[in-house]
Amino acid sequence: MNLENMEKYKNSLFGNIKNKLSDWLELDAGQAIPAQEIFRFLHSVKGTAGTLQLCGLMAITEQLLDGLDEDSVRVWNRTELRNFLFELIEHAYEYEHFDEVEIKAKPVRDSQAPLIQIIDDDISMLILLKDLLEDKGWMVITNADPVKATNQYFEMQPDCLILDSGR
């Protein structure tokens, strides 16, 4: 599968996620979603994410699936579902708007925290690693574009460089 097709499939997957979440979260107050439907949706997303090498998305859906029982008769209202799927909703939003987010790092750092630069074409992995490393107290800059990443490397002079972490 070439890179252009891969991007098309990734965008299609995130479009489908967004559509399904919108359908569910726009239901009337009295309507509910069966747990089995949620399980099937997450299972499908997990499989597709794995095929498309979207490791961050796959990890999120695996974690969500651990909180569901395929044979459950439970029904979820939209508030419960929104709270349960919050991380997936946030991840889908970040993926969709990744190119619009400006990196607000200063060339001169006040902090003694190490600066880590991550360069990867898997945006979901960039988002996941960035969050994990920032939680550890490190400053992290990311980029999916090799040319911009190269310029960023020479401007920021990171302490550590992580390239294409999914392979």
N, C-alpha and C. Protein backbone atom coordinates (compact mmCIF):
# COMPACT_ATOMS: atom_id res chain seq x y z
N MET A 1 0.85 -1.17 0.00
CA MET A 1 0.00 0.00 0.00
C MET A 1 0.90 1.24 0.00
N ASN A 2 0.67 2.14 -0.96
CA ASN A 2 1.53 3.32 -1.01
C ASN A 2 1.07 4.37 0.00
N LEU A 3 1.94 5.34 0.22
CA LEU A 3 1.71 6.35 1.26
C LEU A 3 0.43 7.15 1.01
N GLU A 4 0.16 7.46 -0.26
CA GLU A 4 -1.03 8.24 -0.59
C GLU A 4 -2.30 7.47 -0.23
N ASN A 5 -2.33 6.19 -0.58
CA ASN A 5 -3.49 5.36 -0.22
C ASN A 5 -3.61 5.21 1.29
N MET A 6 -2.47 5.06 1.96
CA MET A 6 -2.47 4.90 3.41
C MET A 6 -3.11 6.13 4.06
N GLU A 7 -2.74 7.32 3.61
CA GLU A 7 -3.32 8.55 4.16
C GLU A 7 -4.82 8.60 3.89
N LYS A 8 -5.22 8.17 2.69
CA LYS A 8 -6.63 8.15 2.34
C LYS A 8 -7.41 7.24 3.29
N TYR A 9 -6.86 6.07 3.57
CA TYR A 9 -7.51 5.12 4.48
C TYR A 9 -7.54 5.65 5.92
N LYS A 10 -6.44 6.28 6.34
CA LYS A 10 -6.41 6.85 7.69
C LYS A 10 -7.47 7.94 7.83
N ASN A 11 -7.54 8.82 6.83
CA ASN A 11 -8.53 9.89 6.87
C ASN A 11 -9.95 9.33 6.85
N SER A 12 -10.15 8.28 6.07
CA SER A 12 -11.46 7.63 6.02
C SER A 12 -11.82 7.03 7.38
N LEU A 13 -10.86 6.37 8.02
CA LEU A 13 -11.10 5.78 9.33
C LEU A 13 -11.50 6.86 10.34
N PHE A 14 -10.74 7.95 10.39
CA PHE A 14 -11.06 9.00 11.35
C PHE A 14 -12.38 9.69 11.00
N GLY A 15 -12.70 9.77 9.71
CA GLY A 15 -14.01 10.29 9.30
C GLY A 15 -15.13 9.40 9.79
N ASN A 16 -14.95 8.09 9.67
CA ASN A 16 -15.96 7.15 10.15
C ASN A 16 -16.12 7.21 11.66
N ILE A 17 -15.00 7.35 12.36
CA ILE A 17 -15.05 7.48 13.82
C ILE A 17 -15.85 8.73 14.20
N LYS A 18 -15.51 9.83 13.55
CA LYS A 18 -16.18 11.10 13.84
C LYS A 18 -17.68 11.00 13.56
N ASN A 19 -18.05 10.38 12.44
CA ASN A 19 -19.47 10.24 12.10
C ASN A 19 -20.22 9.40 13.12
N LYS A 20 -19.64 8.28 13.51
CA LYS A 20 -20.31 7.39 14.47
C LYS A 20 -20.44 8.08 15.83
N LEU A 21 -19.37 8.74 16.28
CA LEU A 21 -19.43 9.44 17.56
C LEU A 21 -20.47 10.55 17.52
N SER A 22 -20.54 11.27 16.40
CA SER A 22 -21.54 12.33 16.26
C SER A 22 -22.95 11.75 16.33
N ASP A 23 -23.16 10.64 15.62
CA ASP A 23 -24.49 9.99 15.66
C ASP A 23 -24.87 9.65 17.09
N TRP A 24 -23.96 9.04 17.80
CA TRP A 24 -24.25 8.61 19.17
C TRP A 24 -24.45 9.79 20.12
N LEU A 25 -23.59 10.79 20.01
CA LEU A 25 -23.61 11.88 20.98
C LEU A 25 -24.68 12.92 20.69
N GLU A 26 -25.35 12.79 19.54
CA GLU A 26 -26.44 13.71 19.21
C GLU A 26 -27.80 13.06 19.41
N LEU A 27 -27.82 11.88 20.03
CA LEU A 27 -29.09 11.21 20.30
C LEU A 27 -29.91 12.02 21.29
N ASP A 28 -31.22 11.84 21.23
CA ASP A 28 -32.10 12.49 22.20
C ASP A 28 -31.84 11.91 23.59
N ALA A 29 -32.22 12.66 24.59
CA ALA A 29 -31.92 12.28 25.98
C ALA A 29 -32.44 10.89 26.35
N GLY A 30 -33.58 10.48 25.82
CA GLY A 30 -34.15 9.19 26.19
C GLY A 30 -33.57 8.00 25.43
N GLN A 31 -32.82 8.26 24.39
CA GLN A 31 -32.28 7.17 23.57
C GLN A 31 -31.00 6.62 24.18
N ALA A 32 -30.74 5.34 23.90
CA ALA A 32 -29.55 4.69 24.46
C ALA A 32 -28.88 3.83 23.39
N ILE A 33 -27.62 3.51 23.64
CA ILE A 33 -26.81 2.72 22.72
C ILE A 33 -26.45 1.41 23.42
N PRO A 34 -26.74 0.27 22.79
CA PRO A 34 -26.39 -1.02 23.40
C PRO A 34 -24.87 -1.21 23.48
N ALA A 35 -24.42 -1.80 24.56
CA ALA A 35 -22.99 -2.06 24.75
C ALA A 35 -22.43 -2.91 23.62
N GLN A 36 -23.23 -3.82 23.08
CA GLN A 36 -22.75 -4.68 21.99
C GLN A 36 -22.40 -3.87 20.75
N GLU A 37 -23.18 -2.81 20.47
CA GLU A 37 -22.90 -1.95 19.33
C GLU A 37 -21.59 -1.18 19.54
N ILE A 38 -21.39 -0.71 20.75
CA ILE A 38 -20.16 0.01 21.09
C ILE A 38 -18.97 -0.94 20.97
N PHE A 39 -19.12 -2.15 21.47
CA PHE A 39 -18.05 -3.15 21.40
C PHE A 39 -17.68 -3.43 19.95
N ARG A 40 -18.68 -3.66 19.09
CA ARG A 40 -18.40 -3.96 17.67
C ARG A 40 -17.68 -2.79 16.99
N PHE A 41 -18.12 -1.57 17.30
CA PHE A 41 -17.50 -0.38 16.73
C PHE A 41 -16.03 -0.29 17.15
N LEU A 42 -15.77 -0.41 18.44
CA LEU A 42 -14.39 -0.31 18.94
C LEU A 42 -13.52 -1.45 18.40
N HIS A 43 -14.08 -2.63 18.30
CA HIS A 43 -13.34 -3.78 17.77
C HIS A 43 -12.95 -3.52 16.31
N SER A 44 -13.86 -2.97 15.54
CA SER A 44 -13.59 -2.64 14.14
C SER A 44 -12.51 -1.56 14.03
N VAL A 45 -12.62 -0.52 14.86
CA VAL A 45 -11.63 0.56 14.85
C VAL A 45 -10.25 0.01 15.23
N LYS A 46 -10.21 -0.84 16.24
CA LYS A 46 -8.94 -1.41 16.69
C LYS A 46 -8.27 -2.19 15.55
N GLY A 47 -9.02 -3.03 14.87
CA GLY A 47 -8.46 -3.83 13.78
C GLY A 47 -7.96 -2.97 12.64
N THR A 48 -8.74 -1.97 12.26
CA THR A 48 -8.35 -1.08 11.17
C THR A 48 -7.13 -0.25 11.58
N ALA A 49 -7.12 0.23 12.82
CA ALA A 49 -5.98 1.02 13.31
C ALA A 49 -4.70 0.19 13.26
N GLY A 50 -4.79 -1.07 13.62
CA GLY A 50 -3.62 -1.94 13.57
C GLY A 50 -3.13 -2.13 12.15
N THR A 51 -4.05 -2.33 11.22
CA THR A 51 -3.69 -2.50 9.81
C THR A 51 -3.01 -1.25 9.26
N LEU A 52 -3.50 -0.08 9.68
CA LEU A 52 -2.96 1.19 9.18
C LEU A 52 -1.79 1.71 10.02
N GLN A 53 -1.31 0.91 10.96
CA GLN A 53 -0.18 1.26 11.82
C GLN A 53 -0.43 2.52 12.64
N LEU A 54 -1.66 2.68 13.09
CA LEU A 54 -2.02 3.78 13.98
C LEU A 54 -1.97 3.25 15.41
N CYS A 55 -0.76 3.12 15.91
CA CYS A 55 -0.54 2.44 17.19
C CYS A 55 -1.21 3.15 18.36
N GLY A 56 -1.22 4.46 18.36
CA GLY A 56 -1.85 5.21 19.44
C GLY A 56 -3.35 4.96 19.49
N LEU A 57 -3.99 4.99 18.33
CA LEU A 57 -5.42 4.72 18.25
C LEU A 57 -5.72 3.29 18.66
N MET A 58 -4.88 2.37 18.24
CA MET A 58 -5.08 0.97 18.59
C MET A 58 -4.98 0.78 20.11
N ALA A 59 -4.02 1.44 20.74
CA ALA A 59 -3.86 1.33 22.19
C ALA A 59 -5.08 1.89 22.93
N ILE A 60 -5.61 2.99 22.45
CA ILE A 60 -6.79 3.59 23.09
C ILE A 60 -7.98 2.65 22.97
N THR A 61 -8.20 2.10 21.78
CA THR A 61 -9.36 1.21 21.61
C THR A 61 -9.20 -0.09 22.39
N GLU A 62 -7.97 -0.60 22.50
CA GLU A 62 -7.74 -1.80 23.33
C GLU A 62 -8.13 -1.53 24.77
N GLN A 63 -7.72 -0.37 25.27
CA GLN A 63 -8.04 0.00 26.65
C GLN A 63 -9.55 0.13 26.84
N LEU A 64 -10.22 0.74 25.87
CA LEU A 64 -11.68 0.89 25.96
C LEU A 64 -12.38 -0.47 25.89
N LEU A 65 -11.89 -1.35 25.03
CA LEU A 65 -12.48 -2.68 24.91
C LEU A 65 -12.35 -3.47 26.21
N ASP A 66 -11.27 -3.22 26.95
CA ASP A 66 -11.09 -3.89 28.25
C ASP A 66 -12.20 -3.51 29.23
N GLY A 67 -12.81 -2.35 29.01
CA GLY A 67 -13.88 -1.89 29.90
C GLY A 67 -15.27 -2.30 29.45
N LEU A 68 -15.34 -3.10 28.39
CA LEU A 68 -16.63 -3.55 27.86
C LEU A 68 -16.70 -5.07 27.83
N ASP A 69 -17.93 -5.56 27.89
CA ASP A 69 -18.17 -6.99 27.73
C ASP A 69 -18.99 -7.17 26.46
N GLU A 70 -18.49 -7.98 25.55
CA GLU A 70 -19.16 -8.18 24.26
C GLU A 70 -20.60 -8.68 24.42
N ASP A 71 -20.85 -9.45 25.44
CA ASP A 71 -22.17 -10.04 25.64
C ASP A 71 -23.05 -9.25 26.61
N SER A 72 -22.63 -8.07 26.98
CA SER A 72 -23.36 -7.26 27.94
C SER A 72 -24.73 -6.83 27.38
N VAL A 73 -25.69 -6.74 28.27
CA VAL A 73 -27.02 -6.25 27.88
C VAL A 73 -27.19 -4.78 28.30
N ARG A 74 -26.13 -4.20 28.82
CA ARG A 74 -26.18 -2.81 29.27
C ARG A 74 -26.46 -1.89 28.08
N VAL A 75 -27.16 -0.81 28.36
CA VAL A 75 -27.34 0.26 27.38
C VAL A 75 -26.74 1.53 27.97
N TRP A 76 -26.15 2.33 27.11
CA TRP A 76 -25.45 3.54 27.53
C TRP A 76 -26.24 4.76 27.06
N ASN A 77 -26.37 5.76 27.93
CA ASN A 77 -26.93 7.03 27.46
C ASN A 77 -25.78 7.86 26.92
N ARG A 78 -26.10 8.96 26.29
CA ARG A 78 -25.04 9.72 25.60
C ARG A 78 -24.02 10.32 26.58
N THR A 79 -24.45 10.70 27.78
CA THR A 79 -23.51 11.27 28.75
C THR A 79 -22.51 10.21 29.22
N GLU A 80 -23.02 9.03 29.55
CA GLU A 80 -22.13 7.93 29.96
C GLU A 80 -21.16 7.59 28.84
N LEU A 81 -21.68 7.54 27.63
CA LEU A 81 -20.85 7.18 26.48
C LEU A 81 -19.79 8.24 26.22
N ARG A 82 -20.18 9.51 26.30
CA ARG A 82 -19.21 10.59 26.09
C ARG A 82 -18.08 10.50 27.11
N ASN A 83 -18.42 10.25 28.36
CA ASN A 83 -17.39 10.13 29.39
C ASN A 83 -16.50 8.91 29.15
N PHE A 84 -17.11 7.80 28.77
CA PHE A 84 -16.36 6.56 28.52
C PHE A 84 -15.42 6.70 27.32
N LEU A 85 -15.90 7.36 26.26
CA LEU A 85 -15.12 7.47 25.02
C LEU A 85 -14.32 8.76 24.93
N PHE A 86 -14.19 9.50 26.04
CA PHE A 86 -13.53 10.81 25.99
C PHE A 86 -12.16 10.75 25.35
N GLU A 87 -11.34 9.78 25.73
CA GLU A 87 -9.98 9.70 25.19
C GLU A 87 -9.99 9.47 23.68
N LEU A 88 -10.91 8.65 23.20
CA LEU A 88 -11.05 8.41 21.76
C LEU A 88 -11.50 9.68 21.04
N ILE A 89 -12.45 10.38 21.62
CA ILE A 89 -12.95 11.63 21.04
C ILE A 89 -11.81 12.65 20.94
N GLU A 90 -11.05 12.78 22.02
CA GLU A 90 -9.93 13.72 22.06
C GLU A 90 -8.87 13.35 21.03
N HIS A 91 -8.56 12.07 20.93
CA HIS A 91 -7.54 11.59 19.99
C HIS A 91 -7.98 11.86 18.55
N ALA A 92 -9.23 11.59 18.24
CA ALA A 92 -9.74 11.82 16.89
C ALA A 92 -9.68 13.31 16.54
N TYR A 93 -10.01 14.16 17.50
CA TYR A 93 -9.95 15.60 17.27
C TYR A 93 -8.50 16.04 17.03
N GLU A 94 -7.59 15.57 17.86
CA GLU A 94 -6.18 15.95 17.71
C GLU A 94 -5.63 15.47 16.37
N TYR A 95 -6.02 14.28 15.94
CA TYR A 95 -5.55 13.76 14.66
C TYR A 95 -6.07 14.63 13.52
N GLU A 96 -7.33 14.99 13.58
CA GLU A 96 -7.95 15.78 12.52
C GLU A 96 -7.33 17.17 12.43
N HIS A 97 -6.94 17.73 13.56
CA HIS A 97 -6.44 19.10 13.59
C HIS A 97 -4.93 19.19 13.83
N PHE A 98 -4.22 18.08 13.65
CA PHE A 98 -2.79 18.05 13.96
C PHE A 98 -2.00 19.08 13.16
N ASP A 99 -2.28 19.21 11.86
CA ASP A 99 -1.54 20.14 11.02
C ASP A 99 -1.81 21.60 11.37
N GLU A 100 -2.92 21.86 12.07
CA GLU A 100 -3.28 23.23 12.42
C GLU A 100 -2.64 23.68 13.72
N VAL A 101 -2.13 22.75 14.49
CA VAL A 101 -1.56 23.08 15.79
C VAL A 101 -0.13 23.58 15.60
N GLU A 102 0.13 24.76 16.09
CA GLU A 102 1.49 25.30 16.01
C GLU A 102 2.27 24.84 17.23
N ILE A 103 3.50 24.52 17.02
CA ILE A 103 4.35 24.12 18.14
C ILE A 103 4.88 25.39 18.79
N LYS A 104 4.58 25.55 20.04
CA LYS A 104 4.92 26.78 20.74
C LYS A 104 6.14 26.57 21.63
N ALA A 105 7.21 26.12 21.05
CA ALA A 105 8.43 25.92 21.81
C ALA A 105 9.36 27.10 21.56
N LYS A 106 10.09 27.50 22.58
CA LYS A 106 11.01 28.62 22.45
C LYS A 106 12.40 28.09 22.11
N PRO A 107 13.15 28.80 21.25
CA PRO A 107 14.51 28.36 20.96
C PRO A 107 15.39 28.34 22.21
N VAL A 108 15.19 29.28 23.12
CA VAL A 108 15.95 29.29 24.36
C VAL A 108 15.04 28.78 25.46
N ARG A 109 15.44 27.70 26.10
CA ARG A 109 14.59 27.08 27.11
C ARG A 109 14.98 27.55 28.50
N ASP A 110 13.96 27.89 29.29
CA ASP A 110 14.20 28.26 30.68
C ASP A 110 14.36 27.02 31.55
N SER A 111 13.63 26.00 31.20
CA SER A 111 13.58 24.79 32.00
C SER A 111 14.83 23.94 31.81
N GLN A 112 15.13 23.16 32.83
CA GLN A 112 16.24 22.21 32.72
C GLN A 112 15.75 20.86 32.20
N ALA A 113 14.45 20.77 31.93
CA ALA A 113 13.88 19.52 31.43
C ALA A 113 14.47 19.20 30.06
N PRO A 114 14.77 17.94 29.81
CA PRO A 114 15.29 17.57 28.50
C PRO A 114 14.25 17.81 27.41
N LEU A 115 14.72 18.20 26.24
CA LEU A 115 13.85 18.40 25.09
C LEU A 115 13.97 17.19 24.18
N ILE A 116 12.84 16.60 23.87
CA ILE A 116 12.80 15.43 23.00
C ILE A 116 12.04 15.79 21.74
N GLN A 117 12.61 15.45 20.60
CA GLN A 117 11.93 15.65 19.33
C GLN A 117 11.53 14.29 18.78
N ILE A 118 10.27 14.18 18.37
CA ILE A 118 9.77 12.93 17.78
C ILE A 118 9.35 13.23 16.35
N ILE A 119 9.88 12.43 15.42
CA ILE A 119 9.52 12.57 14.01
C ILE A 119 8.95 11.23 13.56
N ASP A 120 7.70 11.27 13.10
CA ASP A 120 7.04 10.03 12.69
C ASP A 120 5.89 10.39 11.76
N ASP A 121 5.60 9.52 10.80
CA ASP A 121 4.47 9.77 9.91
C ASP A 121 3.15 9.29 10.51
N ASP A 122 3.20 8.60 11.63
CA ASP A 122 2.00 8.12 12.32
C ASP A 122 1.59 9.16 13.36
N ILE A 123 0.63 9.99 12.99
CA ILE A 123 0.24 11.10 13.85
C ILE A 123 -0.33 10.61 15.17
N SER A 124 -1.05 9.50 15.14
CA SER A 124 -1.61 8.99 16.40
C SER A 124 -0.49 8.58 17.36
N MET A 125 0.60 8.05 16.82
CA MET A 125 1.74 7.68 17.67
C MET A 125 2.41 8.94 18.21
N LEU A 126 2.53 9.99 17.38
CA LEU A 126 3.11 11.25 17.84
C LEU A 126 2.32 11.80 19.03
N ILE A 127 1.01 11.80 18.89
CA ILE A 127 0.15 12.33 19.95
C ILE A 127 0.31 11.52 21.23
N LEU A 128 0.29 10.20 21.09
CA LEU A 128 0.40 9.32 22.25
C LEU A 128 1.75 9.49 22.96
N LEU A 129 2.85 9.44 22.20
CA LEU A 129 4.18 9.58 22.80
C LEU A 129 4.37 10.96 23.43
N LYS A 130 3.90 11.99 22.75
CA LYS A 130 4.04 13.35 23.27
C LYS A 130 3.36 13.45 24.64
N ASP A 131 2.13 12.95 24.73
CA ASP A 131 1.40 13.00 26.01
C ASP A 131 2.12 12.21 27.10
N LEU A 132 2.59 11.01 26.76
CA LEU A 132 3.28 10.16 27.74
C LEU A 132 4.56 10.82 28.25
N LEU A 133 5.35 11.36 27.33
CA LEU A 133 6.63 11.96 27.72
C LEU A 133 6.42 13.26 28.49
N GLU A 134 5.43 14.05 28.10
CA GLU A 134 5.15 15.29 28.83
C GLU A 134 4.67 14.98 30.25
N ASP A 135 3.93 13.88 30.40
CA ASP A 135 3.51 13.47 31.74
C ASP A 135 4.70 13.13 32.63
N LYS A 136 5.82 12.73 32.02
CA LYS A 136 7.05 12.41 32.76
C LYS A 136 7.87 13.67 33.05
N GLY A 137 7.39 14.83 32.57
CA GLY A 137 8.08 16.09 32.85
C GLY A 137 9.03 16.54 31.75
N TRP A 138 9.05 15.85 30.64
CA TRP A 138 9.94 16.24 29.55
C TRP A 138 9.23 17.19 28.60
N MET A 139 10.01 18.03 27.97
CA MET A 139 9.47 18.90 26.93
C MET A 139 9.57 18.14 25.62
N VAL A 140 8.49 18.17 24.84
CA VAL A 140 8.44 17.36 23.62
C VAL A 140 7.97 18.22 22.46
N ILE A 141 8.67 18.09 21.33
CA ILE A 141 8.22 18.69 20.08
C ILE A 141 8.04 17.55 19.08
N THR A 142 7.05 17.68 18.22
CA THR A 142 6.76 16.61 17.27
C THR A 142 6.57 17.19 15.88
N ASN A 143 6.77 16.33 14.90
CA ASN A 143 6.50 16.73 13.53
C ASN A 143 6.36 15.50 12.66
N ALA A 144 5.42 15.56 11.72
CA ALA A 144 5.22 14.46 10.77
C ALA A 144 5.86 14.79 9.42
N ASP A 145 6.21 16.04 9.22
CA ASP A 145 6.79 16.46 7.94
C ASP A 145 8.32 16.46 8.06
N PRO A 146 9.01 15.66 7.24
CA PRO A 146 10.48 15.54 7.37
C PRO A 146 11.23 16.85 7.16
N VAL A 147 10.78 17.69 6.24
CA VAL A 147 11.48 18.95 5.97
C VAL A 147 11.32 19.90 7.16
N LYS A 148 10.09 20.04 7.64
CA LYS A 148 9.85 20.90 8.81
C LYS A 148 10.58 20.35 10.03
N ALA A 149 10.60 19.04 10.16
CA ALA A 149 11.26 18.40 11.30
C ALA A 149 12.76 18.68 11.28
N THR A 150 13.35 18.67 10.10
CA THR A 150 14.79 18.95 9.98
C THR A 150 15.09 20.37 10.42
N ASN A 151 14.29 21.32 9.95
CA ASN A 151 14.47 22.71 10.37
C ASN A 151 14.27 22.86 11.87
N GLN A 152 13.26 22.18 12.38
CA GLN A 152 12.97 22.20 13.81
C GLN A 152 14.15 21.64 14.62
N TYR A 153 14.75 20.59 14.11
CA TYR A 153 15.89 19.96 14.79
C TYR A 153 17.04 20.97 14.95
N PHE A 154 17.37 21.68 13.88
CA PHE A 154 18.50 22.62 13.95
C PHE A 154 18.16 23.87 14.76
N GLU A 155 16.89 24.28 14.76
CA GLU A 155 16.48 25.44 15.55
C GLU A 155 16.44 25.12 17.04
N MET A 156 15.88 23.96 17.37
CA MET A 156 15.61 23.63 18.77
C MET A 156 16.74 22.86 19.45
N GLN A 157 17.56 22.17 18.67
CA GLN A 157 18.66 21.36 19.20
C GLN A 157 18.21 20.47 20.36
N PRO A 158 17.34 19.50 20.06
CA PRO A 158 16.81 18.64 21.13
C PRO A 158 17.90 17.78 21.77
N ASP A 159 17.64 17.36 23.00
CA ASP A 159 18.55 16.47 23.71
C ASP A 159 18.43 15.03 23.21
N CYS A 160 17.27 14.70 22.68
CA CYS A 160 17.02 13.34 22.21
C CYS A 160 16.13 13.41 20.98
N LEU A 161 16.40 12.54 20.02
CA LEU A 161 15.62 12.48 18.79
C LEU A 161 15.07 11.07 18.62
N ILE A 162 13.76 10.97 18.43
CA ILE A 162 13.12 9.67 18.19
C ILE A 162 12.56 9.70 16.78
N LEU A 163 13.02 8.76 15.96
CA LEU A 163 12.58 8.69 14.57
C LEU A 163 11.71 7.48 14.33
N ASP A 164 10.60 7.66 13.65
CA ASP A 164 9.74 6.57 13.17
C ASP A 164 9.65 5.44 14.18
N SER A 165 9.03 5.73 15.31
CA SER A 165 9.02 4.82 16.45
C SER A 165 8.21 3.55 16.24
N GLY A 166 7.37 3.49 15.22
CA GLY A 166 6.51 2.33 15.04
C GLY A 166 7.14 1.19 14.29
N ARG A 167 8.35 1.31 13.85
CA ARG A 167 8.96 0.26 13.03
C ARG A 167 10.11 -0.39 13.72
